[in-house]
C-alpha atoms as a PDB file:
ATOM      1  CA  MET A   1     -13.631  -5.840 -15.980  1.00  0.00           C
ATOM      2  CA  THR A   2     -15.934  -5.409 -13.086  1.00  0.00           C
ATOM      3  CA  THR A   3     -18.455  -2.684 -14.079  1.00  0.00           C
ATOM      4  CA  LYS A   4     -20.040  -1.893 -10.213  1.00  0.00           C
ATOM      5  CA  LEU A   5     -17.763  -2.211  -7.510  1.00  0.00           C
ATOM      6  CA  PRO A   6     -18.730  -2.324  -3.643  1.00  0.00           C
ATOM      7  CA  THR A   7     -18.838   0.448  -1.103  1.00  0.00           C
ATOM      8  CA  LYS A   8     -18.001  -1.719   1.204  1.00  0.00           C
ATOM      9  CA  LEU A   9     -17.428  -5.154   2.291  1.00  0.00           C
ATOM     10  CA  GLY A  10     -19.367  -7.591   5.163  1.00  0.00           C
ATOM     11  CA  LYS A  11     -15.880  -9.082   5.624  1.00  0.00           C
ATOM     12  CA  GLU A  12     -13.339  -6.800   5.687  1.00  0.00           C
ATOM     13  CA  PRO A  13     -10.169  -8.704   4.809  1.00  0.00           C
ATOM     14  CA  LEU A  14      -8.121  -5.813   4.904  1.00  0.00           C
ATOM     15  CA  ILE A  15      -4.593  -5.597   7.232  1.00  0.00           C
ATOM     16  CA  ASP A  16      -2.533  -3.322   5.393  1.00  0.00           C
ATOM     17  CA  VAL A  17      -2.625  -0.113   3.651  1.00  0.00           C
ATOM     18  CA  VAL A  18       0.462   2.477   2.677  1.00  0.00           C
ATOM     19  CA  CYS A  19       0.193   5.590   0.119  1.00  0.00           C
ATOM     20  CA  GLY A  20       4.093   6.264  -0.918  1.00  0.00           C
ATOM     21  CA  VAL A  21       5.784   8.762  -2.488  1.00  0.00           C
ATOM     22  CA  SER A  22       9.597   8.554  -4.155  1.00  0.00           C
ATOM     23  CA  PHE A  23      11.525  11.836  -4.850  1.00  0.00           C
ATOM     24  CA  ASP A  24      14.948  12.649  -6.009  1.00  0.00           C
ATOM     25  CA  CYS A  25      16.661  14.810  -3.526  1.00  0.00           C
ATOM     26  CA  ASP A  26      20.200  15.985  -2.992  1.00  0.00           C
ATOM     27  CA  ILE A  27      19.712  15.120   0.747  1.00  0.00           C
ATOM     28  CA  SER A  28      18.887  12.546   3.065  1.00  0.00           C
ATOM     29  CA  ALA A  29      15.250  13.680   3.945  1.00  0.00           C
ATOM     30  CA  GLU A  30      15.065  11.483   6.962  1.00  0.00           C
ATOM     31  CA  THR A  31      17.268  14.205   8.969  1.00  0.00           C
ATOM     32  CA  LEU A  32      14.782  17.088   8.313  1.00  0.00           C
ATOM     33  CA  LEU A  33      11.526  15.511   7.121  1.00  0.00           C
ATOM     34  CA  PRO A  34      10.435  14.686  11.117  1.00  0.00           C
ATOM     35  CA  GLY A  35      11.401  18.506  11.946  1.00  0.00           C
ATOM     36  CA  LEU A  36       8.889  20.024   9.128  1.00  0.00           C
ATOM     37  CA  LEU A  37       6.478  17.368  10.037  1.00  0.00           C
ATOM     38  CA  LEU A  38       5.869  18.403  13.669  1.00  0.00           C
ATOM     39  CA  PRO A  39       3.999  21.813  12.397  1.00  0.00           C
ATOM     40  CA  LYS A  40       1.343  19.701  10.512  1.00  0.00           C
ATOM     41  CA  LEU A  41       0.633  17.608  13.571  1.00  0.00           C
ATOM     42  CA  VAL A  42      -0.408  19.930  16.071  1.00  0.00           C
ATOM     43  CA  GLY A  43      -2.802  18.738  18.424  1.00  0.00           C
ATOM     44  CA  GLN A  44      -2.229  15.150  17.296  1.00  0.00           C
ATOM     45  CA  GLN A  45      -0.268  12.709  19.809  1.00  0.00           C
ATOM     46  CA  SER A  46       2.821  11.584  17.933  1.00  0.00           C
ATOM     47  CA  LYS A  47       5.461   8.763  19.030  1.00  0.00           C
ATOM     48  CA  PHE A  48       8.787   8.495  16.501  1.00  0.00           C
ATOM     49  CA  GLU A  49      10.225   5.396  15.967  1.00  0.00           C
ATOM     50  CA  THR A  50      13.702   4.209  14.875  1.00  0.00           C
ATOM     51  CA  LEU A  51      13.493   1.211  12.436  1.00  0.00           C
ATOM     52  CA  PRO A  52      16.178  -1.111  12.996  1.00  0.00           C
ATOM     53  CA  ILE A  53      17.100  -0.487   8.697  1.00  0.00           C
ATOM     54  CA  ALA A  54      18.523   2.691   9.595  1.00  0.00           C
ATOM     55  CA  GLN A  55      21.384   0.765  11.985  1.00  0.00           C
ATOM     56  CA  LEU A  56      22.763  -0.095   8.461  1.00  0.00           C
ATOM     57  CA  PRO A  57      25.412   2.330   6.577  1.00  0.00           C
ATOM     58  CA  GLN A  58      23.663   5.171   3.499  1.00  0.00           C
ATOM     59  CA  LEU A  59      25.969   3.609   1.140  1.00  0.00           C
ATOM     60  CA  VAL A  60      24.876  -0.182   1.998  1.00  0.00           C
ATOM     61  CA  ARG A  61      21.022   1.037   1.365  1.00  0.00           C
ATOM     62  CA  ASP A  62      21.755   2.977  -1.559  1.00  0.00           C
ATOM     63  CA  SER A  63      23.586   0.034  -2.748  1.00  0.00           C
ATOM     64  CA  ASP A  64      20.440  -2.092  -2.750  1.00  0.00           C
ATOM     65  CA  PRO A  65      17.593  -1.347  -4.904  1.00  0.00           C
ATOM     66  CA  ASN A  66      15.324  -3.191  -2.699  1.00  0.00           C
ATOM     67  CA  LEU A  67      16.546  -1.044   0.319  1.00  0.00           C
ATOM     68  CA  LYS A  68      17.132   2.451  -0.911  1.00  0.00           C
ATOM     69  CA  ASN A  69      13.561   3.741  -0.481  1.00  0.00           C
ATOM     70  CA  ALA A  70      13.239   1.098   2.601  1.00  0.00           C
ATOM     71  CA  PRO A  71      11.792   3.284   5.953  1.00  0.00           C
ATOM     72  CA  LEU A  72      14.133   4.174   8.673  1.00  0.00           C
ATOM     73  CA  MET A  73      11.890   6.059  10.729  1.00  0.00           C
ATOM     74  CA  ARG A  74       8.296   5.741  11.806  1.00  0.00           C
ATOM     75  CA  ILE A  75       6.036   8.198  13.594  1.00  0.00           C
ATOM     76  CA  LEU A  76       2.711   7.032  14.782  1.00  0.00           C
ATOM     77  CA  ILE A  77      -0.146   9.742  14.836  1.00  0.00           C
ATOM     78  CA  GLY A  78      -2.591   8.940  17.478  1.00  0.00           C
ATOM     79  CA  GLU A  79      -4.302   5.533  17.415  1.00  0.00           C
ATOM     80  CA  LYS A  80      -5.379   5.895  13.595  1.00  0.00           C
ATOM     81  CA  PHE A  81      -2.343   6.896  11.359  1.00  0.00           C
ATOM     82  CA  THR A  82       1.402   6.056  10.501  1.00  0.00           C
ATOM     83  CA  VAL A  83       4.118   7.988   8.892  1.00  0.00           C
ATOM     84  CA  LEU A  84       7.015   6.132   7.172  1.00  0.00           C
ATOM     85  CA  ILE A  85      10.195   8.256   6.405  1.00  0.00           C
ATOM     86  CA  GLY A  86      12.971   6.941   3.956  1.00  0.00           C
ATOM     87  CA  SER A  87      16.014   9.255   2.568  1.00  0.00           C
ATOM     88  CA  GLN A  88      14.004   9.701  -0.856  1.00  0.00           C
ATOM     89  CA  TRP A  89      10.760   8.536   0.494  1.00  0.00           C
ATOM     90  CA  LEU A  90       7.569   9.511   2.530  1.00  0.00           C
ATOM     91  CA  GLY A  91       4.369   7.505   2.964  1.00  0.00           C
ATOM     92  CA  VAL A  92       1.211   7.527   5.110  1.00  0.00           C
ATOM     93  CA  GLY A  93      -0.158   4.185   6.655  1.00  0.00           C
ATOM     94  CA  CYS A  94      -3.109   3.777   8.128  1.00  0.00           C
ATOM     95  CA  GLN A  95      -3.859   1.213  11.472  1.00  0.00           C
ATOM     96  CA  MET A  96      -6.200  -1.263  11.559  1.00  0.00           C
ATOM     97  CA  PRO A  97      -9.516  -1.146  11.716  1.00  0.00           C
ATOM     98  CA  TYR A  98      -9.122   1.122   8.584  1.00  0.00           C
ATOM     99  CA  ALA A  99     -10.179   4.646   8.636  1.00  0.00           C
ATOM    100  CA  GLY A 100     -12.213   4.606   5.285  1.00  0.00           C
ATOM    101  CA  TRP A 101     -10.544   6.508   1.856  1.00  0.00           C
ATOM    102  CA  SER A 102     -11.735   9.624   2.820  1.00  0.00           C
ATOM    103  CA  GLU A 103     -10.265  10.304   6.129  1.00  0.00           C
ATOM    104  CA  PHE A 104      -7.065   8.641   4.956  1.00  0.00           C
ATOM    105  CA  ASN A 105      -6.921  10.693   2.093  1.00  0.00           C
ATOM    106  CA  GLU A 106      -7.026  14.275   3.824  1.00  0.00           C
ATOM    107  CA  MET A 107      -4.043  12.651   6.157  1.00  0.00           C
ATOM    108  CA  ILE A 108      -2.088  11.626   3.077  1.00  0.00           C
ATOM    109  CA  LYS A 109      -2.515  15.336   1.632  1.00  0.00           C
ATOM    110  CA  THR A 110      -1.641  16.561   5.226  1.00  0.00           C
ATOM    111  CA  VAL A 111       1.651  14.732   5.003  1.00  0.00           C
ATOM    112  CA  PHE A 112       2.871  15.291   1.560  1.00  0.00           C
ATOM    113  CA  GLU A 113       2.322  19.095   1.940  1.00  0.00           C
ATOM    114  CA  VAL A 114       5.571  18.789   3.964  1.00  0.00           C
ATOM    115  CA  LEU A 115       7.242  18.382   0.383  1.00  0.00           C
ATOM    116  CA  LYS A 116       6.862  21.841  -0.515  1.00  0.00           C
ATOM    117  CA  ASP A 117       9.484  22.724   2.436  1.00  0.00           C
ATOM    118  CA  LEU A 118      11.723  19.974   1.768  1.00  0.00           C
ATOM    119  CA  PRO A 119      15.332  21.633   0.548  1.00  0.00           C
ATOM    120  CA  SER A 120      16.825  19.960  -2.644  1.00  0.00           C
ATOM    121  CA  VAL A 121      13.907  18.308  -4.193  1.00  0.00           C
ATOM    122  CA  LYS A 122      14.305  17.938  -8.068  1.00  0.00           C
ATOM    123  CA  GLU A 123      11.288  16.075  -8.848  1.00  0.00           C
ATOM    124  CA  ILE A 124       8.987  13.836  -7.705  1.00  0.00           C
ATOM    125  CA  THR A 125       9.577  10.041  -9.019  1.00  0.00           C
ATOM    126  CA  ARG A 126       6.909   8.045  -8.698  1.00  0.00           C
ATOM    127  CA  HIS A 127       3.887   7.204  -6.115  1.00  0.00           C
ATOM    128  CA  SER A 128       2.107   4.495  -4.940  1.00  0.00           C
ATOM    129  CA  LEU A 129      -0.652   2.901  -2.874  1.00  0.00           C
ATOM    130  CA  LYS A 130      -0.760  -0.311  -1.623  1.00  0.00           C
ATOM    131  CA  TYR A 131      -3.586  -2.455  -0.109  1.00  0.00           C
ATOM    132  CA  ALA A 132      -2.478  -6.400   1.153  1.00  0.00           C
ATOM    133  CA  ASP A 133      -5.774  -8.128   2.258  1.00  0.00           C
ATOM    134  CA  PHE A 134      -6.014 -11.325   3.872  1.00  0.00           C
ATOM    135  CA  ILE A 135      -8.880 -13.696   2.729  1.00  0.00           C
ATOM    136  CA  LYS A 136      -9.677 -16.364   5.131  1.00  0.00           C
ATOM    137  CA  SER A 137     -10.287 -20.265   4.610  1.00  0.00           C
ATOM    138  CA  GLN A 138     -13.437 -21.368   4.499  1.00  0.00           C
ATOM    139  CA  GLY A 139     -13.590 -25.308   5.172  1.00  0.00           C
ATOM    140  CA  SER A 140     -12.111 -27.122   2.322  1.00  0.00           C
ATOM    141  CA  ALA A 141     -12.959 -24.825  -0.238  1.00  0.00           C
ATOM    142  CA  GLU A 142      -9.736 -24.327  -3.137  1.00  0.00           C
ATOM    143  CA  SER A 143      -8.416 -20.818  -2.127  1.00  0.00           C
ATOM    144  CA  LEU A 144      -7.434 -20.322  -5.634  1.00  0.00           C
ATOM    145  CA  SER A 145     -10.901 -20.429  -7.011  1.00  0.00           C
ATOM    146  CA  ARG A 146     -11.866 -17.288  -5.282  1.00  0.00           C
ATOM    147  CA  PHE A 147      -9.181 -15.542  -7.720  1.00  0.00           C
ATOM    148  CA  ASN A 148      -9.988 -15.027 -11.205  1.00  0.00           C
ATOM    149  CA  LEU A 149      -6.410 -17.073 -12.556  1.00  0.00           C
ATOM    150  CA  GLN A 150      -5.670 -19.613 -14.363  1.00  0.00           C
ATOM    151  CA  ILE A 151      -2.171 -21.528 -13.848  1.00  0.00           C
ATOM    152  CA  LYS A 152      -1.353 -24.774 -15.484  1.00  0.00           C
ATOM    153  CA  ILE A 153       1.940 -26.146 -14.711  1.00  0.00           C
ATOM    154  CA  ALA A 154       3.084 -29.268 -16.872  1.00  0.00           C
ATOM    155  CA  ASN A 155      -0.286 -29.557 -17.911  1.00  0.00           C
ATOM    156  CA  ARG A 156      -1.806 -29.357 -14.176  1.00  0.00           C
ATOM    157  CA  ILE A 157      -4.079 -26.614 -13.648  1.00  0.00           C
ATOM    158  CA  LEU A 158      -3.433 -25.154  -9.747  1.00  0.00           C
ATOM    159  CA  SER A 159      -6.734 -24.948  -7.617  1.00  0.00           C
ATOM    160  CA  ASP A 160      -5.275 -25.906  -3.864  1.00  0.00           C
ATOM    161  CA  GLN A 161      -1.665 -26.202  -4.312  1.00  0.00           C
ATOM    162  CA  LEU A 162       0.864 -24.018  -2.003  1.00  0.00           C
ATOM    163  CA  THR A 163       1.207 -21.227  -4.625  1.00  0.00           C
ATOM    164  CA  HIS A 164       3.721 -17.759  -4.009  1.00  0.00           C
ATOM    165  CA  LEU A 165       2.678 -15.723  -7.294  1.00  0.00           C
ATOM    166  CA  ARG A 166       3.750 -12.500  -7.693  1.00  0.00           C
ATOM    167  CA  THR A 167       3.679 -10.261 -10.943  1.00  0.00           C
ATOM    168  CA  GLU A 168       3.524  -6.926 -12.272  1.00  0.00           C
ATOM    169  CA  ILE A 169       0.538  -5.617 -14.836  1.00  0.00           C
ATOM    170  CA  ILE A 170       0.959  -2.555 -16.794  1.00  0.00           C
ATOM    171  CA  GLU A 171      -2.125  -0.614 -16.971  1.00  0.00           C
ATOM    172  CA  HIS A 172      -1.164   2.686 -18.460  1.00  0.00           C
ATOM    173  CA  PRO A 173      -0.517   5.128 -16.689  1.00  0.00           C
ATOM    174  CA  PHE A 174      -0.002   2.693 -13.685  1.00  0.00           C
ATOM    175  CA  LEU A 175       1.825  -0.785 -13.135  1.00  0.00           C
ATOM    176  CA  HIS A 176       0.124  -2.885 -10.505  1.00  0.00           C
ATOM    177  CA  ALA A 177       2.671  -5.339  -8.107  1.00  0.00           C
ATOM    178  CA  THR A 178       0.629  -8.113  -7.497  1.00  0.00           C
ATOM    179  CA  THR A 179       1.250 -10.374  -4.852  1.00  0.00           C
ATOM    180  CA  ILE A 180      -0.828 -13.836  -4.586  1.00  0.00           C
ATOM    181  CA  MET A 181       0.135 -16.302  -1.794  1.00  0.00           C
ATOM    182  CA  TYR A 182      -1.656 -19.328  -0.553  1.00  0.00           C
ATOM    183  CA  PRO A 183      -1.869 -20.753   2.032  1.00  0.00           C
ATOM    184  CA  ALA A 184      -0.814 -17.898   4.393  1.00  0.00           C
ATOM    185  CA  THR A 185      -1.557 -17.625   7.968  1.00  0.00           C
ATOM    186  CA  ALA A 186      -2.638 -14.556  10.474  1.00  0.00           C
ATOM    187  CA  SER A 187      -2.916 -13.975  14.044  1.00  0.00           C
ATOM    188  CA  ASP A 188      -6.519 -13.123  15.104  1.00  0.00           C
ATOM    189  CA  GLU A 189      -6.615 -11.997  18.618  1.00  0.00           C
ATOM    190  CA  GLY A 190      -3.790 -14.951  19.305  1.00  0.00           C
ATOM    191  CA  THR A 191      -4.918 -17.535  17.237  1.00  0.00           C
ATOM    192  CA  LEU A 192      -3.795 -18.512  13.847  1.00  0.00           C
ATOM    193  CA  ILE A 193      -6.292 -18.568  11.009  1.00  0.00           C
ATOM    194  CA  ASP A 194      -5.156 -19.861   7.424  1.00  0.00           C
ATOM    195  CA  GLY A 195      -6.042 -18.240   4.400  1.00  0.00           C
ATOM    196  CA  ALA A 196      -4.712 -16.348   1.527  1.00  0.00           C
ATOM    197  CA  LEU A 197      -2.922 -13.382   1.285  1.00  0.00           C
ATOM    198  CA  VAL A 198      -3.228 -10.192  -1.488  1.00  0.00           C
ATOM    199  CA  ASP A 199      -1.410  -7.477  -2.146  1.00  0.00           C
ATOM    200  CA  VAL A 200      -2.005  -4.903  -4.773  1.00  0.00           C
ATOM    201  CA  ASP A 201       0.792  -2.100  -4.810  1.00  0.00           C
ATOM    202  CA  THR A 202      -0.356  -0.040  -7.859  1.00  0.00           C
ATOM    203  CA  HIS A 203       2.293   2.610  -8.850  1.00  0.00           C
ATOM    204  CA  ARG A 204       2.294   5.582 -10.978  1.00  0.00           C
ATOM    205  CA  ILE A 205       5.535   6.016 -12.449  1.00  0.00           C
ATOM    206  CA  GLU A 206       5.421   9.677 -13.729  1.00  0.00           C
ATOM    207  CA  SER A 207       7.887  12.563 -12.922  1.00  0.00           C
ATOM    208  CA  PHE A 208       6.374  15.900 -11.693  1.00  0.00           C
ATOM    209  CA  THR A 209       7.738  18.779 -10.271  1.00  0.00           C
ATOM    210  CA  VAL A 210       6.488  19.717  -6.535  1.00  0.00           C
ATOM    211  CA  ASN A 211       4.618  22.447  -6.872  1.00  0.00           C
ATOM    212  CA  ASP A 212       2.413  20.440  -9.881  1.00  0.00           C
ATOM    213  CA  PHE A 213       2.763  17.186  -8.085  1.00  0.00           C
ATOM    214  CA  LEU A 214       1.025  19.144  -4.901  1.00  0.00           C
ATOM    215  CA  LYS A 215      -1.333  20.830  -6.806  1.00  0.00           C
ATOM    216  CA  GLN A 216      -2.448  17.598  -8.979  1.00  0.00           C
ATOM    217  CA  LEU A 217      -2.513  15.335  -5.509  1.00  0.00           C
ATOM    218  CA  PRO A 218      -6.344  15.375  -4.868  1.00  0.00           C
ATOM    219  CA  GLU A 219      -6.970  14.246  -8.046  1.00  0.00           C
ATOM    220  CA  LEU A 220      -4.130  11.751  -8.024  1.00  0.00           C
ATOM    221  CA  LEU A 221      -4.643  10.132  -5.157  1.00  0.00           C
ATOM    222  CA  ASP A 222      -8.370   9.768  -6.445  1.00  0.00           C
ATOM    223  CA  GLN A 223      -7.279   8.189  -9.735  1.00  0.00           C
ATOM    224  CA  ILE A 224      -4.528   5.848  -8.297  1.00  0.00           C
ATOM    225  CA  HIS A 225      -7.116   4.528  -5.466  1.00  0.00           C
ATOM    226  CA  ALA A 226      -9.893   3.616  -8.450  1.00  0.00           C
ATOM    227  CA  ALA A 227      -7.300   2.051 -10.339  1.00  0.00           C
ATOM    228  CA  ASN A 228      -6.048  -0.139  -6.958  1.00  0.00           C
ATOM    229  CA  LYS A 229      -9.611  -0.868  -6.631  1.00  0.00           C
ATOM    230  CA  THR A 230     -11.050  -2.101  -9.481  1.00  0.00           C
ATOM    231  CA  PHE A 231      -7.934  -4.202 -10.089  1.00  0.00           C
ATOM    232  CA  PHE A 232      -8.526  -5.933  -6.705  1.00  0.00           C
ATOM    233  CA  PHE A 233     -12.306  -6.710  -7.198  1.00  0.00           C
ATOM    234  CA  ASP A 234     -11.509  -7.669 -10.921  1.00  0.00           C
ATOM    235  CA  LEU A 235      -8.660 -10.122  -9.452  1.00  0.00           C
ATOM    236  CA  LEU A 236     -11.802 -12.148  -7.441  1.00  0.00           C
ATOM    237  CA  SER A 237     -13.942 -14.412  -8.819  1.00  0.00           C
ATOM    238  CA  GLU A 238     -17.641 -14.205  -8.792  1.00  0.00           C
ATOM    239  CA  ALA A 239     -17.358 -16.810  -5.422  1.00  0.00           C
ATOM    240  CA  GLY A 240     -14.425 -15.096  -3.925  1.00  0.00           C
ATOM    241  CA  LEU A 241     -16.101 -11.606  -3.941  1.00  0.00           C
ATOM    242  CA  LYS A 242     -19.300 -13.407  -2.433  1.00  0.00           C
ATOM    243  CA  GLU A 243     -17.483 -14.951   0.449  1.00  0.00           C
ATOM    244  CA  LEU A 244     -16.382 -11.199   1.347  1.00  0.00           C
ATOM    245  CA  GLU A 245     -20.335 -10.065   1.721  1.00  0.00           C
ATOM    246  CA  PRO A 246     -20.145  -7.175  -1.116  1.00  0.00           C
ATOM    247  CA  VAL A 247     -22.343  -4.129  -0.183  1.00  0.00           C
ATOM    248  CA  TYR A 248     -23.522  -1.868  -2.509  1.00  0.00           C
ATOM    249  CA  GLU A 249     -25.255   1.709  -2.022  1.00  0.00           C
END
């Protein structure tokens, strides 16, 4: 386990971050949440977009577990943040470059506060924080050696083979849904670059009343952020962490 975590990285690998909350509600929240959010975004330029999945009938979305909490609408807030809205899910994303946890944290609390005004919410069923990172390849280095990961198949140790791994690791009260994909490609100002994709989606599957959730939200956010950050750095090998040029303050 990592004992001391970097405060920042010289080579920032982050490409996406989303904090989400699922709730049990008697209504389709996407019909009310945009109007309830507007007063909380006064003074900030907002752009509303309907996402393609919203064209599917609700019956189809509700019958597929992979679509039930999928966002149906996106609200772009200035150049920093994004609000994602589903029928029973609300999320906040940070556009790149990352604004940092302190500023992102404040926006999450501002947006989630709208849940107290949403009628018919029975309970908060879970909340999550996902960070996706793309780690660029360094020459011919074995990319899987960047991770604290040992996989053997048919007595062959995987080192630089095409690998797509997804697993769920429980560390009470959290579940880390983790994906490692190598090789992967990303676009950097129109140029394709090779590397490895690492996605750590940390969930706290615990029910709260809306009032209890909002009352405890600052502490809950700090806890899930610390759990996600610790897991990511535990996932990196010493060589993998060194590549990212960690800074300790």
